[in-house]
Amino acid sequence: MNWKEFKIKSENKFRNLEIERCWGFQIQPGTTWNTGLNEHEIEALEKTFEFEFPLDYKEMLLTINGLDRDEIAIDPDDKEADEFGRMMYKYPEDYERTFSLRQEISENMKYVNEALQLSGFDTSKVVGFVPLYGHRAMAVFTDKSLSPVISIHQGNDVIVYGKSLMDYWEKELYLK
């Protein structure tokens, strides 16, 4: 699947979503993806991150860049008001907002490296991380054909959530 097909497939799914009465943020029905960035904006973003992005992330950013509305969190016990927040990051707006996730990754590289190595990645070739959604981030390597995504929670709970960016998004959005 390419990113244009991904956009169509995921937006078709978003159109028919039903909000569940459960903990956690959910994508709202009718949500669409924001327009992607142009090549100059992507180059500027790479300068902000201080490394070159993987090829598939650049292709993704040319097509989509975050969602057009915040996700919603509903208290299933009806004790708290609905909460809204942007969990799927939009760049460059969310660069500063993702500082704590980037810092958490940096402070817990032992566990990040273990998870990546267990999935067959050479961690000596990692040049950085790009936060994507909540506590998930794409590992960036010198080899621009690689784009695994990790999930990191409370520092030492790290897994490889997707062997590639597309693999990750298909799992995250239940598109497989």
Foldseek 3Di string as FASTA:
>chain_A
DALVVVQVLLQVVLQPDDDDLDFDWDRHHNKHFDAADDPVQQVVVCVVQVHHAFPRVVRNRNGGFFIPFWTWGHNSVPPDDIDTDGFFGGPPVCVVVCVVLQVLCVVQVVLVVVQCVVVPDDVVFFDGWADGGHNKIWTGGPNSNWTWIWGADPRNDIHGCARHPVRNVCVVSVVD
